[in-house]
């Protein structure tokens, strides 16, 4: 997937409703080589849609404060990663909104390792 295709793909989801699968629910501990990362929010993917890394397109889910297995949400933002091969989408319950600052704070636990710019509705 080219850079342009990647950007076009994530932009096409902004403002749309999608059903996402959650593979890292709130409290999930992702063990890395030198540390572990605990997810304070639900994190998942759009089934059968491949992102820039060749894996399913990832989505942070804000505004749902309990672990879920899947969720219908609205894509309210894009986390553009300038130093990675993929971007992330940000979803929220339909009709719920977050400021750019709230989004940045919510996903900082993972995005702190990347040069990320938020594009929000």
PDB file of N, CA and C in Angstrom:
ATOM      1  N   UNK A   1       0.853  -1.174   0.000  1.00  0.00           N
ATOM      2  CA  UNK A   1       0.000   0.000   0.000  1.00  0.00           C
ATOM      3  C   UNK A   1       0.904   1.245   0.000  1.00  0.00           C
ATOM      4  N   UNK A   2       0.644   2.147  -0.911  1.00  0.00           N
ATOM      5  CA  UNK A   2       1.454   3.363  -0.982  1.00  0.00           C
ATOM      6  C   UNK A   2       1.024   4.333   0.120  1.00  0.00           C
ATOM      7  N   UNK A   3       1.853   5.327   0.356  1.00  0.00           N
ATOM      8  CA  UNK A   3       1.539   6.366   1.340  1.00  0.00           C
ATOM      9  C   UNK A   3       0.212   7.033   0.999  1.00  0.00           C
ATOM     10  N   UNK A   4       0.020   7.369  -0.271  1.00  0.00           N
ATOM     11  CA  UNK A   4      -1.209   8.032  -0.705  1.00  0.00           C
ATOM     12  C   UNK A   4      -2.429   7.140  -0.501  1.00  0.00           C
ATOM     13  N   UNK A   5      -2.297   5.856  -0.823  1.00  0.00           N
ATOM     14  CA  UNK A   5      -3.406   4.911  -0.630  1.00  0.00           C
ATOM     15  C   UNK A   5      -3.753   4.785   0.850  1.00  0.00           C
ATOM     16  N   UNK A   6      -2.735   4.755   1.676  1.00  0.00           N
ATOM     17  CA  UNK A   6      -2.930   4.649   3.125  1.00  0.00           C
ATOM     18  C   UNK A   6      -3.711   5.845   3.646  1.00  0.00           C
ATOM     19  N   UNK A   7      -3.317   7.045   3.238  1.00  0.00           N
ATOM     20  CA  UNK A   7      -3.992   8.264   3.698  1.00  0.00           C
ATOM     21  C   UNK A   7      -5.426   8.340   3.168  1.00  0.00           C
ATOM     22  N   UNK A   8      -5.613   7.944   1.917  1.00  0.00           N
ATOM     23  CA  UNK A   8      -6.944   7.934   1.308  1.00  0.00           C
ATOM     24  C   UNK A   8      -7.854   6.953   2.042  1.00  0.00           C
ATOM     25  N   UNK A   9      -7.310   5.794   2.384  1.00  0.00           N
ATOM     26  CA  UNK A   9      -8.099   4.776   3.073  1.00  0.00           C
ATOM     27  C   UNK A   9      -8.611   5.283   4.415  1.00  0.00           C
ATOM     28  N   UNK A  10      -7.713   5.810   5.272  1.00  0.00           N
ATOM     29  CA  UNK A  10      -8.161   6.233   6.601  1.00  0.00           C
ATOM     30  C   UNK A  10      -9.121   7.425   6.510  1.00  0.00           C
ATOM     31  N   UNK A  11      -8.859   8.341   5.585  1.00  0.00           N
ATOM     32  CA  UNK A  11      -9.767   9.490   5.413  1.00  0.00           C
ATOM     33  C   UNK A  11     -11.166   9.042   5.017  1.00  0.00           C
ATOM     34  N   UNK A  12     -11.265   7.947   4.259  1.00  0.00           N
ATOM     35  CA  UNK A  12     -12.568   7.472   3.797  1.00  0.00           C
ATOM     36  C   UNK A  12     -13.460   7.002   4.953  1.00  0.00           C
ATOM     37  N   UNK A  13     -12.883   6.721   6.110  1.00  0.00           N
ATOM     38  CA  UNK A  13     -13.662   6.256   7.261  1.00  0.00           C
ATOM     39  C   UNK A  13     -14.108   7.378   8.185  1.00  0.00           C
ATOM     40  N   UNK A  14     -13.522   8.554   8.067  1.00  0.00           N
ATOM     41  CA  UNK A  14     -13.846   9.673   8.958  1.00  0.00           C
ATOM     42  C   UNK A  14     -15.329  10.021   8.855  1.00  0.00           C
ATOM     43  N   UNK A  15     -16.024   9.972   9.997  1.00  0.00           N
ATOM     44  CA  UNK A  15     -17.450  10.272  10.040  1.00  0.00           C
ATOM     45  C   UNK A  15     -18.355   9.087   9.760  1.00  0.00           C
ATOM     46  N   UNK A  16     -17.793   7.940   9.437  1.00  0.00           N
ATOM     47  CA  UNK A  16     -18.595   6.747   9.118  1.00  0.00           C
ATOM     48  C   UNK A  16     -18.829   5.884  10.354  1.00  0.00           C
ATOM     49  N   UNK A  17     -19.902   5.100  10.288  1.00  0.00           N
ATOM     50  CA  UNK A  17     -20.202   4.110  11.329  1.00  0.00           C
ATOM     51  C   UNK A  17     -19.604   2.772  10.917  1.00  0.00           C
ATOM     52  N   UNK A  18     -18.954   2.115  11.858  1.00  0.00           N
ATOM     53  CA  UNK A  18     -18.368   0.803  11.594  1.00  0.00           C
ATOM     54  C   UNK A  18     -18.568  -0.089  12.813  1.00  0.00           C
ATOM     55  N   UNK A  19     -18.556  -1.379  12.575  1.00  0.00           N
ATOM     56  CA  UNK A  19     -18.547  -2.349  13.667  1.00  0.00           C
ATOM     57  C   UNK A  19     -17.109  -2.828  13.788  1.00  0.00           C
ATOM     58  N   UNK A  20     -16.548  -2.683  14.988  1.00  0.00           N
ATOM     59  CA  UNK A  20     -15.163  -3.081  15.197  1.00  0.00           C
ATOM     60  C   UNK A  20     -15.092  -4.278  16.134  1.00  0.00           C
ATOM     61  N   UNK A  21     -14.100  -5.114  15.902  1.00  0.00           N
ATOM     62  CA  UNK A  21     -13.781  -6.196  16.824  1.00  0.00           C
ATOM     63  C   UNK A  21     -12.750  -5.658  17.805  1.00  0.00           C
ATOM     64  N   UNK A  22     -12.838  -6.070  19.052  1.00  0.00           N
ATOM     65  CA  UNK A  22     -11.894  -5.616  20.076  1.00  0.00           C
ATOM     66  C   UNK A  22     -10.983  -6.776  20.444  1.00  0.00           C
ATOM     67  N   UNK A  23      -9.684  -6.620  20.161  1.00  0.00           N
ATOM     68  CA  UNK A  23      -8.741  -7.670  20.539  1.00  0.00           C
ATOM     69  C   UNK A  23      -7.861  -7.262  21.724  1.00  0.00           C
ATOM     70  N   UNK A  24      -7.948  -6.001  22.123  1.00  0.00           N
ATOM     71  CA  UNK A  24      -7.238  -5.525  23.306  1.00  0.00           C
ATOM     72  C   UNK A  24      -8.206  -4.675  24.131  1.00  0.00           C
ATOM     73  N   UNK A  25      -9.022  -5.336  24.953  1.00  0.00           N
ATOM     74  CA  UNK A  25     -10.008  -4.605  25.751  1.00  0.00           C
ATOM     75  C   UNK A  25      -9.337  -3.836  26.901  1.00  0.00           C
ATOM     76  N   UNK A  26     -10.092  -2.953  27.520  1.00  0.00           N
ATOM     77  CA  UNK A  26      -9.597  -2.219  28.686  1.00  0.00           C
ATOM     78  C   UNK A  26      -8.955  -3.214  29.659  1.00  0.00           C
ATOM     79  N   UNK A  27      -7.751  -2.888  30.121  1.00  0.00           N
ATOM     80  CA  UNK A  27      -7.040  -3.750  31.070  1.00  0.00           C
ATOM     81  C   UNK A  27      -6.116  -4.766  30.438  1.00  0.00           C
ATOM     82  N   UNK A  28      -6.203  -4.931  29.115  1.00  0.00           N
ATOM     83  CA  UNK A  28      -5.333  -5.877  28.410  1.00  0.00           C
ATOM     84  C   UNK A  28      -3.873  -5.479  28.610  1.00  0.00           C
ATOM     85  N   UNK A  29      -3.020  -6.462  28.886  1.00  0.00           N
ATOM     86  CA  UNK A  29      -1.595  -6.201  29.055  1.00  0.00           C
ATOM     87  C   UNK A  29      -0.847  -6.766  27.862  1.00  0.00           C
ATOM     88  N   UNK A  30      -0.221  -5.868  27.108  1.00  0.00           N
ATOM     89  CA  UNK A  30       0.567  -6.246  25.939  1.00  0.00           C
ATOM     90  C   UNK A  30       2.030  -6.269  26.378  1.00  0.00           C
ATOM     91  N   UNK A  31       2.621  -7.459  26.365  1.00  0.00           N
ATOM     92  CA  UNK A  31       4.016  -7.582  26.789  1.00  0.00           C
ATOM     93  C   UNK A  31       4.940  -7.339  25.613  1.00  0.00           C
ATOM     94  N   UNK A  32       5.847  -6.381  25.795  1.00  0.00           N
ATOM     95  CA  UNK A  32       6.865  -6.052  24.795  1.00  0.00           C
ATOM     96  C   UNK A  32       8.194  -6.609  25.301  1.00  0.00           C
ATOM     97  N   UNK A  33       9.244  -6.441  24.505  1.00  0.00           N
ATOM     98  CA  UNK A  33      10.550  -6.959  24.908  1.00  0.00           C
ATOM     99  C   UNK A  33      11.038  -6.383  26.230  1.00  0.00           C
ATOM    100  N   UNK A  34      10.982  -5.056  26.367  1.00  0.00           N
ATOM    101  CA  UNK A  34      11.557  -4.399  27.540  1.00  0.00           C
ATOM    102  C   UNK A  34      10.531  -3.901  28.549  1.00  0.00           C
ATOM    103  N   UNK A  35       9.252  -3.989  28.230  1.00  0.00           N
ATOM    104  CA  UNK A  35       8.231  -3.452  29.121  1.00  0.00           C
ATOM    105  C   UNK A  35       6.879  -4.060  28.753  1.00  0.00           C
ATOM    106  N   UNK A  36       5.880  -3.732  29.548  1.00  0.00           N
ATOM    107  CA  UNK A  36       4.523  -4.145  29.206  1.00  0.00           C
ATOM    108  C   UNK A  36       3.646  -2.897  29.155  1.00  0.00           C
ATOM    109  N   UNK A  37       2.610  -2.977  28.340  1.00  0.00           N
ATOM    110  CA  UNK A  37       1.717  -1.849  28.106  1.00  0.00           C
ATOM    111  C   UNK A  37       0.300  -2.284  28.476  1.00  0.00           C
ATOM    112  N   UNK A  38      -0.312  -1.580  29.429  1.00  0.00           N
ATOM    113  CA  UNK A  38      -1.680  -1.878  29.836  1.00  0.00           C
ATOM    114  C   UNK A  38      -2.617  -0.913  29.111  1.00  0.00           C
ATOM    115  N   UNK A  39      -3.638  -1.448  28.481  1.00  0.00           N
ATOM    116  CA  UNK A  39      -4.575  -0.642  27.704  1.00  0.00           C
ATOM    117  C   UNK A  39      -5.645  -0.028  28.606  1.00  0.00           C
ATOM    118  N   UNK A  40      -5.683   1.314  28.666  1.00  0.00           N
ATOM    119  CA  UNK A  40      -6.702   1.993  29.478  1.00  0.00           C
ATOM    120  C   UNK A  40      -8.020   2.183  28.721  1.00  0.00           C
ATOM    121  N   UNK A  41      -8.012   1.880  27.426  1.00  0.00           N
ATOM    122  CA  UNK A  41      -9.212   1.981  26.583  1.00  0.00           C
ATOM    123  C   UNK A  41      -9.309   0.722  25.734  1.00  0.00           C
ATOM    124  N   UNK A  42     -10.471   0.500  25.143  1.00  0.00           N
ATOM    125  CA  UNK A  42     -10.640  -0.612  24.215  1.00  0.00           C
ATOM    126  C   UNK A  42      -9.932  -0.287  22.904  1.00  0.00           C
ATOM    127  N   UNK A  43      -9.336  -1.311  22.311  1.00  0.00           N
ATOM    128  CA  UNK A  43      -8.566  -1.142  21.081  1.00  0.00           C
ATOM    129  C   UNK A  43      -8.867  -2.334  20.191  1.00  0.00           C
ATOM    130  N   UNK A  44      -9.191  -2.059  18.948  1.00  0.00           N
ATOM    131  CA  UNK A  44      -9.545  -3.161  18.069  1.00  0.00           C
ATOM    132  C   UNK A  44      -9.251  -2.856  16.620  1.00  0.00           C
ATOM    133  N   UNK A  45     -10.131  -3.331  15.752  1.00  0.00           N
ATOM    134  CA  UNK A  45      -9.866  -3.302  14.317  1.00  0.00           C
ATOM    135  C   UNK A  45     -11.175  -3.407  13.544  1.00  0.00           C
ATOM    136  N   UNK A  46     -11.109  -2.998  12.282  1.00  0.00           N
ATOM    137  CA  UNK A  46     -12.240  -3.200  11.378  1.00  0.00           C
ATOM    138  C   UNK A  46     -12.003  -4.539  10.681  1.00  0.00           C
ATOM    139  N   UNK A  47     -12.862  -5.520  10.920  1.00  0.00           N
ATOM    140  CA  UNK A  47     -12.662  -6.847  10.328  1.00  0.00           C
ATOM    141  C   UNK A  47     -12.563  -6.790   8.798  1.00  0.00           C
ATOM    142  N   UNK A  48     -11.631  -7.543   8.273  1.00  0.00           N
ATOM    143  CA  UNK A  48     -11.451  -7.741   6.830  1.00  0.00           C
ATOM    144  C   UNK A  48     -11.021  -6.482   6.069  1.00  0.00           C
ATOM    145  N   UNK A  49     -10.555  -5.450   6.779  1.00  0.00           N
ATOM    146  CA  UNK A  49     -10.031  -4.246   6.135  1.00  0.00           C
ATOM    147  C   UNK A  49      -8.564  -4.130   6.534  1.00  0.00           C
ATOM    148  N   UNK A  50      -7.674  -4.239   5.546  1.00  0.00           N
ATOM    149  CA  UNK A  50      -6.246  -4.203   5.839  1.00  0.00           C
ATOM    150  C   UNK A  50      -5.720  -2.777   5.850  1.00  0.00           C
ATOM    151  N   UNK A  51      -4.860  -2.499   6.836  1.00  0.00           N
ATOM    152  CA  UNK A  51      -4.232  -1.192   6.959  1.00  0.00           C
ATOM    153  C   UNK A  51      -2.855  -1.187   6.322  1.00  0.00           C
ATOM    154  N   UNK A  52      -2.095  -0.141   6.595  1.00  0.00           N
ATOM    155  CA  UNK A  52      -0.779   0.050   6.006  1.00  0.00           C
ATOM    156  C   UNK A  52       0.239  -1.012   6.347  1.00  0.00           C
ATOM    157  N   UNK A  53       0.031  -1.708   7.474  1.00  0.00           N
ATOM    158  CA  UNK A  53       0.973  -2.751   7.889  1.00  0.00           C
ATOM    159  C   UNK A  53       0.581  -4.137   7.381  1.00  0.00           C
ATOM    160  N   UNK A  54      -0.493  -4.216   6.584  1.00  0.00           N
ATOM    161  CA  UNK A  54      -0.947  -5.507   6.066  1.00  0.00           C
ATOM    162  C   UNK A  54      -1.829  -6.273   7.033  1.00  0.00           C
ATOM    163  N   UNK A  55      -2.041  -5.735   8.220  1.00  0.00           N
ATOM    164  CA  UNK A  55      -2.943  -6.320   9.216  1.00  0.00           C
ATOM    165  C   UNK A  55      -4.252  -5.526   9.184  1.00  0.00           C
ATOM    166  N   UNK A  56      -5.255  -6.018   9.911  1.00  0.00           N
ATOM    167  CA  UNK A  56      -6.535  -5.315   9.920  1.00  0.00           C
ATOM    168  C   UNK A  56      -6.367  -3.903  10.494  1.00  0.00           C
ATOM    169  N   UNK A  57      -7.138  -2.968   9.937  1.00  0.00           N
ATOM    170  CA  UNK A  57      -7.036  -1.550  10.278  1.00  0.00           C
ATOM    171  C   UNK A  57      -7.446  -1.320  11.734  1.00  0.00           C
ATOM    172  N   UNK A  58      -6.547  -0.721  12.505  1.00  0.00           N
ATOM    173  CA  UNK A  58      -6.729  -0.550  13.941  1.00  0.00           C
ATOM    174  C   UNK A  58      -7.588   0.651  14.296  1.00  0.00           C
ATOM    175  N   UNK A  59      -8.334   0.498  15.413  1.00  0.00           N
ATOM    176  CA  UNK A  59      -9.228   1.544  15.897  1.00  0.00           C
ATOM    177  C   UNK A  59      -9.135   1.633  17.420  1.00  0.00           C
ATOM    178  N   UNK A  60      -8.863   2.834  17.923  1.00  0.00           N
ATOM    179  CA  UNK A  60      -9.004   3.113  19.352  1.00  0.00           C
ATOM    180  C   UNK A  60     -10.476   3.411  19.588  1.00  0.00           C
ATOM    181  N   UNK A  61     -11.044   2.882  20.672  1.00  0.00           N
ATOM    182  CA  UNK A  61     -12.445   3.146  20.999  1.00  0.00           C
ATOM    183  C   UNK A  61     -12.514   3.969  22.277  1.00  0.00           C
ATOM    184  N   UNK A  62     -12.984   5.208  22.159  1.00  0.00           N
ATOM    185  CA  UNK A  62     -13.138   6.094  23.312  1.00  0.00           C
ATOM    186  C   UNK A  62     -14.585   6.089  23.790  1.00  0.00           C
ATOM    187  N   UNK A  63     -14.800   6.446  25.054  1.00  0.00           N
ATOM    188  CA  UNK A  63     -16.152   6.630  25.562  1.00  0.00           C
ATOM    189  C   UNK A  63     -16.882   5.371  25.970  1.00  0.00           C
ATOM    190  N   UNK A  64     -16.221   4.239  25.956  1.00  0.00           N
ATOM    191  CA  UNK A  64     -16.812   2.976  26.410  1.00  0.00           C
ATOM    192  C   UNK A  64     -15.907   2.495  27.542  1.00  0.00           C
ATOM    193  N   UNK A  65     -16.400   2.595  28.770  1.00  0.00           N
ATOM    194  CA  UNK A  65     -15.543   2.408  29.940  1.00  0.00           C
ATOM    195  C   UNK A  65     -15.582   1.021  30.550  1.00  0.00           C
ATOM    196  N   UNK A  66     -15.937   0.047  29.741  1.00  0.00           N
ATOM    197  CA  UNK A  66     -15.885  -1.359  30.175  1.00  0.00           C
ATOM    198  C   UNK A  66     -15.378  -2.174  29.001  1.00  0.00           C
ATOM    199  N   UNK A  67     -14.742  -3.304  29.277  1.00  0.00           N
ATOM    200  CA  UNK A  67     -14.250  -4.142  28.175  1.00  0.00           C
ATOM    201  C   UNK A  67     -15.422  -4.641  27.322  1.00  0.00           C
ATOM    202  N   UNK A  68     -15.239  -4.602  26.005  1.00  0.00           N
ATOM    203  CA  UNK A  68     -16.248  -5.112  25.076  1.00  0.00           C
ATOM    204  C   UNK A  68     -15.549  -6.001  24.045  1.00  0.00           C
ATOM    205  N   UNK A  69     -16.324  -6.854  23.383  1.00  0.00           N
ATOM    206  CA  UNK A  69     -15.759  -7.735  22.359  1.00  0.00           C
ATOM    207  C   UNK A  69     -15.914  -7.159  20.961  1.00  0.00           C
ATOM    208  N   UNK A  70     -16.996  -6.403  20.754  1.00  0.00           N
ATOM    209  CA  UNK A  70     -17.209  -5.691  19.505  1.00  0.00           C
ATOM    210  C   UNK A  70     -18.092  -4.502  19.803  1.00  0.00           C
ATOM    211  N   UNK A  71     -18.078  -3.540  18.855  1.00  0.00           N
ATOM    212  CA  UNK A  71     -18.829  -2.313  19.130  1.00  0.00           C
ATOM    213  C   UNK A  71     -19.107  -1.590  17.825  1.00  0.00           C
ATOM    214  N   UNK A  72     -20.332  -1.065  17.699  1.00  0.00           N
ATOM    215  CA  UNK A  72     -20.643  -0.205  16.554  1.00  0.00           C
ATOM    216  C   UNK A  72     -20.347   1.227  16.979  1.00  0.00           C
ATOM    217  N   UNK A  73     -19.458   1.873  16.251  1.00  0.00           N
ATOM    218  CA  UNK A  73     -19.036   3.216  16.621  1.00  0.00           C
ATOM    219  C   UNK A  73     -18.976   4.115  15.398  1.00  0.00           C
ATOM    220  N   UNK A  74     -18.733   5.394  15.662  1.00  0.00           N
ATOM    221  CA  UNK A  74     -18.509   6.361  14.605  1.00  0.00           C
ATOM    222  C   UNK A  74     -17.034   6.743  14.631  1.00  0.00           C
ATOM    223  N   UNK A  75     -16.396   6.793  13.487  1.00  0.00           N
ATOM    224  CA  UNK A  75     -14.986   7.184  13.419  1.00  0.00           C
ATOM    225  C   UNK A  75     -14.926   8.707  13.510  1.00  0.00           C
ATOM    226  N   UNK A  76     -14.315   9.190  14.599  1.00  0.00           N
ATOM    227  CA  UNK A  76     -14.297  10.623  14.884  1.00  0.00           C
ATOM    228  C   UNK A  76     -12.928  11.264  14.635  1.00  0.00           C
ATOM    229  N   UNK A  77     -11.905  10.437  14.420  1.00  0.00           N
ATOM    230  CA  UNK A  77     -10.570  11.002  14.227  1.00  0.00           C
ATOM    231  C   UNK A  77      -9.635   9.985  13.593  1.00  0.00           C
ATOM    232  N   UNK A  78      -8.523  10.531  13.113  1.00  0.00           N
ATOM    233  CA  UNK A  78      -7.428   9.716  12.581  1.00  0.00           C
ATOM    234  C   UNK A  78      -6.169  10.091  13.337  1.00  0.00           C
ATOM    235  N   UNK A  79      -5.422   9.097  13.770  1.00  0.00           N
ATOM    236  CA  UNK A  79      -4.100   9.324  14.351  1.00  0.00           C
ATOM    237  C   UNK A  79      -3.100   9.066  13.228  1.00  0.00           C
ATOM    238  N   UNK A  80      -2.647  10.144  12.605  1.00  0.00           N
ATOM    239  CA  UNK A  80      -1.680  10.038  11.510  1.00  0.00           C
ATOM    240  C   UNK A  80      -0.291   9.824  12.111  1.00  0.00           C
ATOM    241  N   UNK A  81       0.315   8.706  11.810  1.00  0.00           N
ATOM    242  CA  UNK A  81       1.666   8.433  12.286  1.00  0.00           C
ATOM    243  C   UNK A  81       2.662   8.810  11.187  1.00  0.00           C
ATOM    244  N   UNK A  82       3.496   9.797  11.489  1.00  0.00           N
ATOM    245  CA  UNK A  82       4.461  10.267  10.503  1.00  0.00           C
ATOM    246  C   UNK A  82       5.710   9.401  10.427  1.00  0.00           C
ATOM    247  N   UNK A  83       5.948   8.576  11.432  1.00  0.00           N
ATOM    248  CA  UNK A  83       7.151   7.745  11.452  1.00  0.00           C
ATOM    249  C   UNK A  83       6.810   6.252  11.572  1.00  0.00           C
ATOM    250  N   UNK A  84       5.743   5.845  10.899  1.00  0.00           N
ATOM    251  CA  UNK A  84       5.325   4.447  10.920  1.00  0.00           C
ATOM    252  C   UNK A  84       4.646   4.133   9.587  1.00  0.00           C
ATOM    253  N   UNK A  85       4.379   2.853   9.355  1.00  0.00           N
ATOM    254  CA  UNK A  85       3.764   2.433   8.095  1.00  0.00           C
ATOM    255  C   UNK A  85       2.242   2.348   8.170  1.00  0.00           C
ATOM    256  N   UNK A  86       1.685   2.723   9.317  1.00  0.00           N
ATOM    257  CA  UNK A  86       0.233   2.661   9.463  1.00  0.00           C
ATOM    258  C   UNK A  86      -0.282   3.855  10.249  1.00  0.00           C
ATOM    259  N   UNK A  87      -1.547   4.158  10.050  1.00  0.00           N
ATOM    260  CA  UNK A  87      -2.266   5.153  10.821  1.00  0.00           C
ATOM    261  C   UNK A  87      -3.332   4.414  11.618  1.00  0.00           C
ATOM    262  N   UNK A  88      -3.872   5.067  12.636  1.00  0.00           N
ATOM    263  CA  UNK A  88      -4.911   4.472  13.468  1.00  0.00           C
ATOM    264  C   UNK A  88      -6.174   5.319  13.366  1.00  0.00           C
ATOM    265  N   UNK A  89      -7.315   4.665  13.468  1.00  0.00           N
ATOM    266  CA  UNK A  89      -8.584   5.383  13.530  1.00  0.00           C
ATOM    267  C   UNK A  89      -9.001   5.507  14.991  1.00  0.00           C
ATOM    268  N   UNK A  90      -9.862   6.474  15.270  1.00  0.00           N
ATOM    269  CA  UNK A  90     -10.398   6.669  16.618  1.00  0.00           C
ATOM    270  C   UNK A  90     -11.912   6.653  16.511  1.00  0.00           C
ATOM    271  N   UNK A  91     -12.539   5.748  17.243  1.00  0.00           N
ATOM    272  CA  UNK A  91     -13.989   5.631  17.233  1.00  0.00           C
ATOM    273  C   UNK A  91     -14.585   6.038  18.564  1.00  0.00           C
ATOM    274  N   UNK A  92     -15.877   6.361  18.542  1.00  0.00           N
ATOM    275  CA  UNK A  92     -16.622   6.722  19.744  1.00  0.00           C
ATOM    276  C   UNK A  92     -18.063   6.274  19.563  1.00  0.00           C
ATOM    277  N   UNK A  93     -18.797   6.133  20.674  1.00  0.00           N
ATOM    278  CA  UNK A  93     -20.221   5.822  20.529  1.00  0.00           C
ATOM    279  C   UNK A  93     -20.890   6.845  19.615  1.00  0.00           C
ATOM    280  N   UNK A  94     -21.839   6.384  18.841  1.00  0.00           N
ATOM    281  CA  UNK A  94     -22.518   7.237  17.870  1.00  0.00           C
ATOM    282  C   UNK A  94     -23.132   8.440  18.591  1.00  0.00           C
ATOM    283  N   UNK A  95     -22.795   9.630  18.092  1.00  0.00           N
ATOM    284  CA  UNK A  95     -23.295  10.869  18.680  1.00  0.00           C
ATOM    285  C   UNK A  95     -22.416  11.460  19.766  1.00  0.00           C
ATOM    286  N   UNK A  96     -21.386  10.740  20.203  1.00  0.00           N
ATOM    287  CA  UNK A  96     -20.488  11.248  21.233  1.00  0.00           C
ATOM    288  C   UNK A  96     -19.271  11.889  20.566  1.00  0.00           C
ATOM    289  N   UNK A  97     -18.837  13.017  21.112  1.00  0.00           N
ATOM    290  CA  UNK A  97     -17.678  13.681  20.515  1.00  0.00           C
ATOM    291  C   UNK A  97     -16.607  13.938  21.570  1.00  0.00           C
ATOM    292  N   UNK A  98     -15.395  14.117  21.097  1.00  0.00           N
ATOM    293  CA  UNK A  98     -14.242  14.408  21.941  1.00  0.00           C
ATOM    294  C   UNK A  98     -13.433  15.502  21.265  1.00  0.00           C
ATOM    295  N   UNK A  99     -12.795  16.343  22.065  1.00  0.00           N
ATOM    296  CA  UNK A  99     -11.923  17.357  21.500  1.00  0.00           C
ATOM    297  C   UNK A  99     -10.617  16.695  21.047  1.00  0.00           C
ATOM    298  N   UNK A 100      -9.886  17.405  20.223  1.00  0.00           N
ATOM    299  CA  UNK A 100      -8.581  16.908  19.774  1.00  0.00           C
ATOM    300  C   UNK A 100      -7.688  16.633  20.985  1.00  0.00           C
ATOM    301  N   UNK A 101      -7.712  17.509  21.969  1.00  0.00           N
ATOM    302  CA  UNK A 101      -6.902  17.336  23.173  1.00  0.00           C
ATOM    303  C   UNK A 101      -7.328  16.094  23.961  1.00  0.00           C
ATOM    304  N   UNK A 102      -8.622  15.860  24.079  1.00  0.00           N
ATOM    305  CA  UNK A 102      -9.114  14.666  24.779  1.00  0.00           C
ATOM    306  C   UNK A 102      -8.670  13.392  24.056  1.00  0.00           C
ATOM    307  N   UNK A 103      -8.719  13.422  22.734  1.00  0.00           N
ATOM    308  CA  UNK A 103      -8.286  12.268  21.944  1.00  0.00           C
ATOM    309  C   UNK A 103      -6.791  12.021  22.158  1.00  0.00           C
ATOM    310  N   UNK A 104      -5.991  13.086  22.048  1.00  0.00           N
ATOM    311  CA  UNK A 104      -4.544  12.955  22.250  1.00  0.00           C
ATOM    312  C   UNK A 104      -4.236  12.360  23.614  1.00  0.00           C
ATOM    313  N   UNK A 105      -4.913  12.851  24.657  1.00  0.00           N
ATOM    314  CA  UNK A 105      -4.673  12.336  26.010  1.00  0.00           C
ATOM    315  C   UNK A 105      -5.076  10.873  26.143  1.00  0.00           C
ATOM    316  N   UNK A 106      -6.184  10.488  25.522  1.00  0.00           N
ATOM    317  CA  UNK A 106      -6.689   9.117  25.643  1.00  0.00           C
ATOM    318  C   UNK A 106      -5.787   8.088  24.962  1.00  0.00           C
ATOM    319  N   UNK A 107      -5.143   8.477  23.852  1.00  0.00           N
ATOM    320  CA  UNK A 107      -4.336   7.503  23.108  1.00  0.00           C
ATOM    321  C   UNK A 107      -2.834   7.687  23.345  1.00  0.00           C
ATOM    322  N   UNK A 108      -2.492   8.636  24.204  1.00  0.00           N
ATOM    323  CA  UNK A 108      -1.078   8.922  24.499  1.00  0.00           C
ATOM    324  C   UNK A 108      -0.331   7.684  24.994  1.00  0.00           C
ATOM    325  N   UNK A 109      -1.006   6.789  25.717  1.00  0.00           N
ATOM    326  CA  UNK A 109      -0.354   5.610  26.272  1.00  0.00           C
ATOM    327  C   UNK A 109       0.398   4.816  25.198  1.00  0.00           C
ATOM    328  N   UNK A 110      -0.084   4.840  23.972  1.00  0.00           N
ATOM    329  CA  UNK A 110       0.591   4.138  22.879  1.00  0.00           C
ATOM    330  C   UNK A 110       1.230   5.104  21.884  1.00  0.00           C
ATOM    331  N   UNK A 111       0.561   6.192  21.597  1.00  0.00           N
ATOM    332  CA  UNK A 111       1.066   7.111  20.578  1.00  0.00           C
ATOM    333  C   UNK A 111       2.289   7.905  21.028  1.00  0.00           C
ATOM    334  N   UNK A 112       2.616   7.869  22.314  1.00  0.00           N
ATOM    335  CA  UNK A 112       3.815   8.561  22.799  1.00  0.00           C
ATOM    336  C   UNK A 112       5.091   8.036  22.147  1.00  0.00           C
ATOM    337  N   UNK A 113       5.020   6.859  21.574  1.00  0.00           N
ATOM    338  CA  UNK A 113       6.193   6.246  20.933  1.00  0.00           C
ATOM    339  C   UNK A 113       6.304   6.616  19.452  1.00  0.00           C
ATOM    340  N   UNK A 114       5.376   7.411  18.955  1.00  0.00           N
ATOM    341  CA  UNK A 114       5.328   7.778  17.533  1.00  0.00           C
ATOM    342  C   UNK A 114       5.198   9.288  17.378  1.00  0.00           C
ATOM    343  N   UNK A 115       5.507   9.752  16.186  1.00  0.00           N
ATOM    344  CA  UNK A 115       5.267  11.149  15.821  1.00  0.00           C
ATOM    345  C   UNK A 115       3.867  11.180  15.219  1.00  0.00           C
ATOM    346  N   UNK A 116       2.885  11.507  16.049  1.00  0.00           N
ATOM    347  CA  UNK A 116       1.478  11.380  15.671  1.00  0.00           C
ATOM    348  C   UNK A 116       0.789  12.741  15.633  1.00  0.00           C
ATOM    349  N   UNK A 117      -0.033  12.899  14.611  1.00  0.00           N
ATOM    350  CA  UNK A 117      -0.851  14.108  14.470  1.00  0.00           C
ATOM    351  C   UNK A 117      -2.307  13.663  14.402  1.00  0.00           C
ATOM    352  N   UNK A 118      -3.146  14.312  15.187  1.00  0.00           N
ATOM    353  CA  UNK A 118      -4.565  13.962  15.226  1.00  0.00           C
ATOM    354  C   UNK A 118      -5.359  14.829  14.252  1.00  0.00           C
ATOM    355  N   UNK A 119      -6.163  14.169  13.433  1.00  0.00           N
ATOM    356  CA  UNK A 119      -7.137  14.854  12.577  1.00  0.00           C
ATOM    357  C   UNK A 119      -8.495  14.455  13.089  1.00  0.00           C
ATOM    358  N   UNK A 120      -9.221  15.414  13.644  1.00  0.00           N
ATOM    359  CA  UNK A 120     -10.507  15.111  14.251  1.00  0.00           C
ATOM    360  C   UNK A 120     -11.645  15.793  13.495  1.00  0.00           C
ATOM    361  N   UNK A 121     -12.854  15.227  13.632  1.00  0.00           N
ATOM    362  CA  UNK A 121     -14.041  15.844  13.038  1.00  0.00           C
ATOM    363  C   UNK A 121     -14.341  17.172  13.715  1.00  0.00           C
TER     364      UNK A 121
END
